[in-house]
Amino acid sequence: MSVNHIAITPDENEEALQEFIEKEGYKLVIPQLDLYECAGGHIWHIDEILDHMNECLRESCL
């Protein structure tokens, strides 16, 4: 089984991440630490959100 890899530029990645944050309803709660709160009340670091976004992309591409 092969996995499709989506090649995007850093600027496109930043734009996609911001769209994902808005779509999923994350709210920036501590800007200095890049911490967001999800609708369920959990705190996520921006890197965790990026990982989650990439996981969702991989699942939709398989």
PDB file of N, CA and C in Angstrom:
ATOM      1  N   MET A   1       0.853  -1.169   0.000  1.00  0.00           N
ATOM      2  CA  MET A   1       0.000   0.000   0.000  1.00  0.00           C
ATOM      3  C   MET A   1       0.895   1.226   0.000  1.00  0.00           C
ATOM      4  N   SER A   2       0.587   2.183  -0.850  1.00  0.00           N
ATOM      5  CA  SER A   2       1.378   3.407  -0.884  1.00  0.00           C
ATOM      6  C   SER A   2       0.608   4.519  -0.194  1.00  0.00           C
ATOM      7  N   VAL A   3       1.369   5.454   0.332  1.00  0.00           N
ATOM      8  CA  VAL A   3       0.780   6.602   1.005  1.00  0.00           C
ATOM      9  C   VAL A   3       1.038   7.817   0.140  1.00  0.00           C
ATOM     10  N   ASN A   4      -0.004   8.562  -0.121  1.00  0.00           N
ATOM     11  CA  ASN A   4       0.151   9.793  -0.891  1.00  0.00           C
ATOM     12  C   ASN A   4       0.705  10.879   0.009  1.00  0.00           C
ATOM     13  N   HIS A   5       1.690  11.589  -0.485  1.00  0.00           N
ATOM     14  CA  HIS A   5       2.258  12.708   0.261  1.00  0.00           C
ATOM     15  C   HIS A   5       1.898  13.991  -0.466  1.00  0.00           C
ATOM     16  N   ILE A   6       1.405  14.947   0.261  1.00  0.00           N
ATOM     17  CA  ILE A   6       1.037  16.225  -0.318  1.00  0.00           C
ATOM     18  C   ILE A   6       2.196  17.180  -0.088  1.00  0.00           C
ATOM     19  N   ALA A   7       2.775  17.675  -1.166  1.00  0.00           N
ATOM     20  CA  ALA A   7       3.886  18.616  -1.068  1.00  0.00           C
ATOM     21  C   ALA A   7       3.331  20.028  -1.152  1.00  0.00           C
ATOM     22  N   ILE A   8       3.490  20.773  -0.059  1.00  0.00           N
ATOM     23  CA  ILE A   8       3.042  22.159  -0.056  1.00  0.00           C
ATOM     24  C   ILE A   8       4.157  23.028   0.495  1.00  0.00           C
ATOM     25  N   THR A   9       4.121  24.292   0.141  1.00  0.00           N
ATOM     26  CA  THR A   9       5.142  25.224   0.605  1.00  0.00           C
ATOM     27  C   THR A   9       4.852  25.613   2.053  1.00  0.00           C
ATOM     28  N   PRO A  10       5.864  26.155   2.763  1.00  0.00           N
ATOM     29  CA  PRO A  10       5.620  26.613   4.141  1.00  0.00           C
ATOM     30  C   PRO A  10       4.496  27.643   4.225  1.00  0.00           C
ATOM     31  N   ASP A  11       4.402  28.541   3.239  1.00  0.00           N
ATOM     32  CA  ASP A  11       3.327  29.533   3.258  1.00  0.00           C
ATOM     33  C   ASP A  11       1.962  28.873   3.107  1.00  0.00           C
ATOM     34  N   GLU A  12       1.871  27.898   2.218  1.00  0.00           N
ATOM     35  CA  GLU A  12       0.615  27.171   2.040  1.00  0.00           C
ATOM     36  C   GLU A  12       0.280  26.384   3.298  1.00  0.00           C
ATOM     37  N   ASN A  13       1.303  25.836   3.958  1.00  0.00           N
ATOM     38  CA  ASN A  13       1.097  25.090   5.193  1.00  0.00           C
ATOM     39  C   ASN A  13       0.546  26.011   6.277  1.00  0.00           C
ATOM     40  N   GLU A  14       1.101  27.216   6.386  1.00  0.00           N
ATOM     41  CA  GLU A  14       0.630  28.178   7.385  1.00  0.00           C
ATOM     42  C   GLU A  14      -0.824  28.556   7.106  1.00  0.00           C
ATOM     43  N   GLU A  15      -1.133  28.783   5.842  1.00  0.00           N
ATOM     44  CA  GLU A  15      -2.503  29.130   5.466  1.00  0.00           C
ATOM     45  C   GLU A  15      -3.454  27.970   5.762  1.00  0.00           C
ATOM     46  N   ALA A  16      -3.043  26.761   5.428  1.00  0.00           N
ATOM     47  CA  ALA A  16      -3.867  25.580   5.693  1.00  0.00           C
ATOM     48  C   ALA A  16      -4.073  25.394   7.192  1.00  0.00           C
ATOM     49  N   LEU A  17      -3.025  25.626   7.976  1.00  0.00           N
ATOM     50  CA  LEU A  17      -3.127  25.489   9.429  1.00  0.00           C
ATOM     51  C   LEU A  17      -4.119  26.496   9.988  1.00  0.00           C
ATOM     52  N   GLN A  18      -4.052  27.742   9.543  1.00  0.00           N
ATOM     53  CA  GLN A  18      -4.983  28.760  10.037  1.00  0.00           C
ATOM     54  C   GLN A  18      -6.424  28.413   9.663  1.00  0.00           C
ATOM     55  N   GLU A  19      -6.622  27.902   8.460  1.00  0.00           N
ATOM     56  CA  GLU A  19      -7.967  27.480   8.045  1.00  0.00           C
ATOM     57  C   GLU A  19      -8.460  26.318   8.908  1.00  0.00           C
ATOM     58  N   PHE A  20      -7.567  25.375   9.211  1.00  0.00           N
ATOM     59  CA  PHE A  20      -7.925  24.227  10.043  1.00  0.00           C
ATOM     60  C   PHE A  20      -8.302  24.695  11.448  1.00  0.00           C
ATOM     61  N   ILE A  21      -7.522  25.614  12.010  1.00  0.00           N
ATOM     62  CA  ILE A  21      -7.790  26.149  13.350  1.00  0.00           C
ATOM     63  C   ILE A  21      -9.177  26.790  13.389  1.00  0.00           C
ATOM     64  N   GLU A  22      -9.486  27.592  12.387  1.00  0.00           N
ATOM     65  CA  GLU A  22     -10.797  28.250  12.341  1.00  0.00           C
ATOM     66  C   GLU A  22     -11.923  27.235  12.168  1.00  0.00           C
ATOM     67  N   LYS A  23     -11.731  26.299  11.236  1.00  0.00           N
ATOM     68  CA  LYS A  23     -12.767  25.295  10.939  1.00  0.00           C
ATOM     69  C   LYS A  23     -13.069  24.423  12.153  1.00  0.00           C
ATOM     70  N   GLU A  24     -12.014  24.049  12.884  1.00  0.00           N
ATOM     71  CA  GLU A  24     -12.178  23.159  14.034  1.00  0.00           C
ATOM     72  C   GLU A  24     -12.577  23.902  15.307  1.00  0.00           C
ATOM     73  N   GLY A  25     -12.567  25.223  15.277  1.00  0.00           N
ATOM     74  CA  GLY A  25     -13.035  26.006  16.411  1.00  0.00           C
ATOM     75  C   GLY A  25     -12.033  26.217  17.534  1.00  0.00           C
ATOM     76  N   TYR A  26     -10.751  26.092  17.242  1.00  0.00           N
ATOM     77  CA  TYR A  26      -9.730  26.370  18.253  1.00  0.00           C
ATOM     78  C   TYR A  26      -9.686  27.866  18.535  1.00  0.00           C
ATOM     79  N   LYS A  27      -9.479  28.218  19.794  1.00  0.00           N
ATOM     80  CA  LYS A  27      -9.371  29.621  20.204  1.00  0.00           C
ATOM     81  C   LYS A  27      -8.013  29.838  20.866  1.00  0.00           C
ATOM     82  N   LEU A  28      -7.299  30.858  20.414  1.00  0.00           N
ATOM     83  CA  LEU A  28      -5.998  31.193  20.989  1.00  0.00           C
ATOM     84  C   LEU A  28      -6.210  31.714  22.404  1.00  0.00           C
ATOM     85  N   VAL A  29      -5.604  31.053  23.400  1.00  0.00           N
ATOM     86  CA  VAL A  29      -5.799  31.459  24.791  1.00  0.00           C
ATOM     87  C   VAL A  29      -4.532  32.022  25.423  1.00  0.00           C
ATOM     88  N   ILE A  30      -3.366  31.573  24.984  1.00  0.00           N
ATOM     89  CA  ILE A  30      -2.103  32.110  25.503  1.00  0.00           C
ATOM     90  C   ILE A  30      -1.168  32.326  24.310  1.00  0.00           C
ATOM     91  N   PRO A  31      -1.256  33.516  23.699  1.00  0.00           N
ATOM     92  CA  PRO A  31      -0.476  33.781  22.485  1.00  0.00           C
ATOM     93  C   PRO A  31       1.032  33.614  22.661  1.00  0.00           C
ATOM     94  N   GLN A  32       1.560  33.998  23.818  1.00  0.00           N
ATOM     95  CA  GLN A  32       3.002  33.913  24.049  1.00  0.00           C
ATOM     96  C   GLN A  32       3.517  32.482  23.961  1.00  0.00           C
ATOM     97  N   LEU A  33       2.667  31.518  24.259  1.00  0.00           N
ATOM     98  CA  LEU A  33       3.059  30.109  24.261  1.00  0.00           C
ATOM     99  C   LEU A  33       2.423  29.332  23.109  1.00  0.00           C
ATOM    100  N   ASP A  34       1.706  30.034  22.222  1.00  0.00           N
ATOM    101  CA  ASP A  34       1.021  29.387  21.095  1.00  0.00           C
ATOM    102  C   ASP A  34       0.081  28.282  21.568  1.00  0.00           C
ATOM    103  N   LEU A  35      -0.687  28.563  22.617  1.00  0.00           N
ATOM    104  CA  LEU A  35      -1.630  27.587  23.162  1.00  0.00           C
ATOM    105  C   LEU A  35      -3.059  27.947  22.769  1.00  0.00           C
ATOM    106  N   TYR A  36      -3.784  26.927  22.332  1.00  0.00           N
ATOM    107  CA  TYR A  36      -5.157  27.076  21.874  1.00  0.00           C
ATOM    108  C   TYR A  36      -6.054  26.170  22.697  1.00  0.00           C
ATOM    109  N   GLU A  37      -7.323  26.571  22.816  1.00  0.00           N
ATOM    110  CA  GLU A  37      -8.322  25.732  23.479  1.00  0.00           C
ATOM    111  C   GLU A  37      -9.299  25.225  22.425  1.00  0.00           C
ATOM    112  N   CYS A  38      -9.591  23.928  22.488  1.00  0.00           N
ATOM    113  CA  CYS A  38     -10.566  23.359  21.554  1.00  0.00           C
ATOM    114  C   CYS A  38     -11.959  23.482  22.167  1.00  0.00           C
ATOM    115  N   ALA A  39     -12.964  23.137  21.382  1.00  0.00           N
ATOM    116  CA  ALA A  39     -14.351  23.231  21.844  1.00  0.00           C
ATOM    117  C   ALA A  39     -14.605  22.362  23.071  1.00  0.00           C
ATOM    118  N   GLY A  40     -13.827  21.286  23.225  1.00  0.00           N
ATOM    119  CA  GLY A  40     -13.979  20.392  24.368  1.00  0.00           C
ATOM    120  C   GLY A  40     -13.277  20.875  25.626  1.00  0.00           C
ATOM    121  N   GLY A  41     -12.581  22.025  25.531  1.00  0.00           N
ATOM    122  CA  GLY A  41     -11.918  22.599  26.694  1.00  0.00           C
ATOM    123  C   GLY A  41     -10.486  22.150  26.905  1.00  0.00           C
ATOM    124  N   HIS A  42      -9.957  21.334  26.007  1.00  0.00           N
ATOM    125  CA  HIS A  42      -8.570  20.887  26.127  1.00  0.00           C
ATOM    126  C   HIS A  42      -7.632  21.936  25.544  1.00  0.00           C
ATOM    127  N   ILE A  43      -6.439  22.030  26.115  1.00  0.00           N
ATOM    128  CA  ILE A  43      -5.431  22.978  25.647  1.00  0.00           C
ATOM    129  C   ILE A  43      -4.466  22.261  24.717  1.00  0.00           C
ATOM    130  N   TRP A  44      -4.228  22.856  23.559  1.00  0.00           N
ATOM    131  CA  TRP A  44      -3.359  22.294  22.528  1.00  0.00           C
ATOM    132  C   TRP A  44      -2.265  23.298  22.179  1.00  0.00           C
ATOM    133  N   HIS A  45      -1.044  22.817  22.019  1.00  0.00           N
ATOM    134  CA  HIS A  45       0.029  23.656  21.483  1.00  0.00           C
ATOM    135  C   HIS A  45      -0.118  23.668  19.965  1.00  0.00           C
ATOM    136  N   ILE A  46       0.318  24.733  19.332  1.00  0.00           N
ATOM    137  CA  ILE A  46       0.195  24.865  17.880  1.00  0.00           C
ATOM    138  C   ILE A  46       0.808  23.673  17.145  1.00  0.00           C
ATOM    139  N   ASP A  47       1.908  23.127  17.663  1.00  0.00           N
ATOM    140  CA  ASP A  47       2.545  21.970  17.021  1.00  0.00           C
ATOM    141  C   ASP A  47       1.648  20.732  17.082  1.00  0.00           C
ATOM    142  N   GLU A  48       0.905  20.593  18.180  1.00  0.00           N
ATOM    143  CA  GLU A  48      -0.027  19.467  18.298  1.00  0.00           C
ATOM    144  C   GLU A  48      -1.179  19.619  17.309  1.00  0.00           C
ATOM    145  N   ILE A  49      -1.626  20.855  17.124  1.00  0.00           N
ATOM    146  CA  ILE A  49      -2.698  21.102  16.160  1.00  0.00           C
ATOM    147  C   ILE A  49      -2.202  20.792  14.754  1.00  0.00           C
ATOM    148  N   LEU A  50      -0.966  21.188  14.450  1.00  0.00           N
ATOM    149  CA  LEU A  50      -0.381  20.893  13.140  1.00  0.00           C
ATOM    150  C   LEU A  50      -0.285  19.387  12.923  1.00  0.00           C
ATOM    151  N   ASP A  51       0.162  18.658  13.938  1.00  0.00           N
ATOM    152  CA  ASP A  51       0.231  17.194  13.836  1.00  0.00           C
ATOM    153  C   ASP A  51      -1.159  16.599  13.598  1.00  0.00           C
ATOM    154  N   HIS A  52      -2.145  17.114  14.325  1.00  0.00           N
ATOM    155  CA  HIS A  52      -3.523  16.631  14.180  1.00  0.00           C
ATOM    156  C   HIS A  52      -4.049  16.923  12.771  1.00  0.00           C
ATOM    157  N   MET A  53      -3.756  18.115  12.260  1.00  0.00           N
ATOM    158  CA  MET A  53      -4.178  18.472  10.910  1.00  0.00           C
ATOM    159  C   MET A  53      -3.557  17.521   9.890  1.00  0.00           C
ATOM    160  N   ASN A  54      -2.259  17.259  10.034  1.00  0.00           N
ATOM    161  CA  ASN A  54      -1.574  16.364   9.099  1.00  0.00           C
ATOM    162  C   ASN A  54      -2.124  14.942   9.184  1.00  0.00           C
ATOM    163  N   GLU A  55      -2.472  14.513  10.398  1.00  0.00           N
ATOM    164  CA  GLU A  55      -3.077  13.189  10.572  1.00  0.00           C
ATOM    165  C   GLU A  55      -4.418  13.123   9.838  1.00  0.00           C
ATOM    166  N   CYS A  56      -5.210  14.164   9.976  1.00  0.00           N
ATOM    167  CA  CYS A  56      -6.502  14.210   9.277  1.00  0.00           C
ATOM    168  C   CYS A  56      -6.301  14.194   7.767  1.00  0.00           C
ATOM    169  N   LEU A  57      -5.299  14.912   7.281  1.00  0.00           N
ATOM    170  CA  LEU A  57      -5.006  14.925   5.844  1.00  0.00           C
ATOM    171  C   LEU A  57      -4.586  13.548   5.361  1.00  0.00           C
ATOM    172  N   ARG A  58      -3.725  12.883   6.138  1.00  0.00           N
ATOM    173  CA  ARG A  58      -3.269  11.542   5.751  1.00  0.00           C
ATOM    174  C   ARG A  58      -4.446  10.578   5.675  1.00  0.00           C
ATOM    175  N   GLU A  59      -5.322  10.634   6.668  1.00  0.00           N
ATOM    176  CA  GLU A  59      -6.466   9.728   6.693  1.00  0.00           C
ATOM    177  C   GLU A  59      -7.387   9.966   5.508  1.00  0.00           C
ATOM    178  N   SER A  60      -7.531  11.212   5.098  1.00  0.00           N
ATOM    179  CA  SER A  60      -8.419  11.503   3.971  1.00  0.00           C
ATOM    180  C   SER A  60      -7.771  11.160   2.638  1.00  0.00           C
ATOM    181  N   CYS A  61      -6.446  10.976   2.620  1.00  0.00           N
ATOM    182  CA  CYS A  61      -5.731  10.682   1.371  1.00  0.00           C
ATOM    183  C   CYS A  61      -5.521   9.192   1.152  1.00  0.00           C
ATOM    184  N   LEU A  62      -5.716   8.371   2.173  1.00  0.00           N
ATOM    185  CA  LEU A  62      -5.454   6.938   2.018  1.00  0.00           C
ATOM    186  C   LEU A  62      -6.552   6.255   1.236  1.00  0.00           C
TER     187      LEU A  62
END
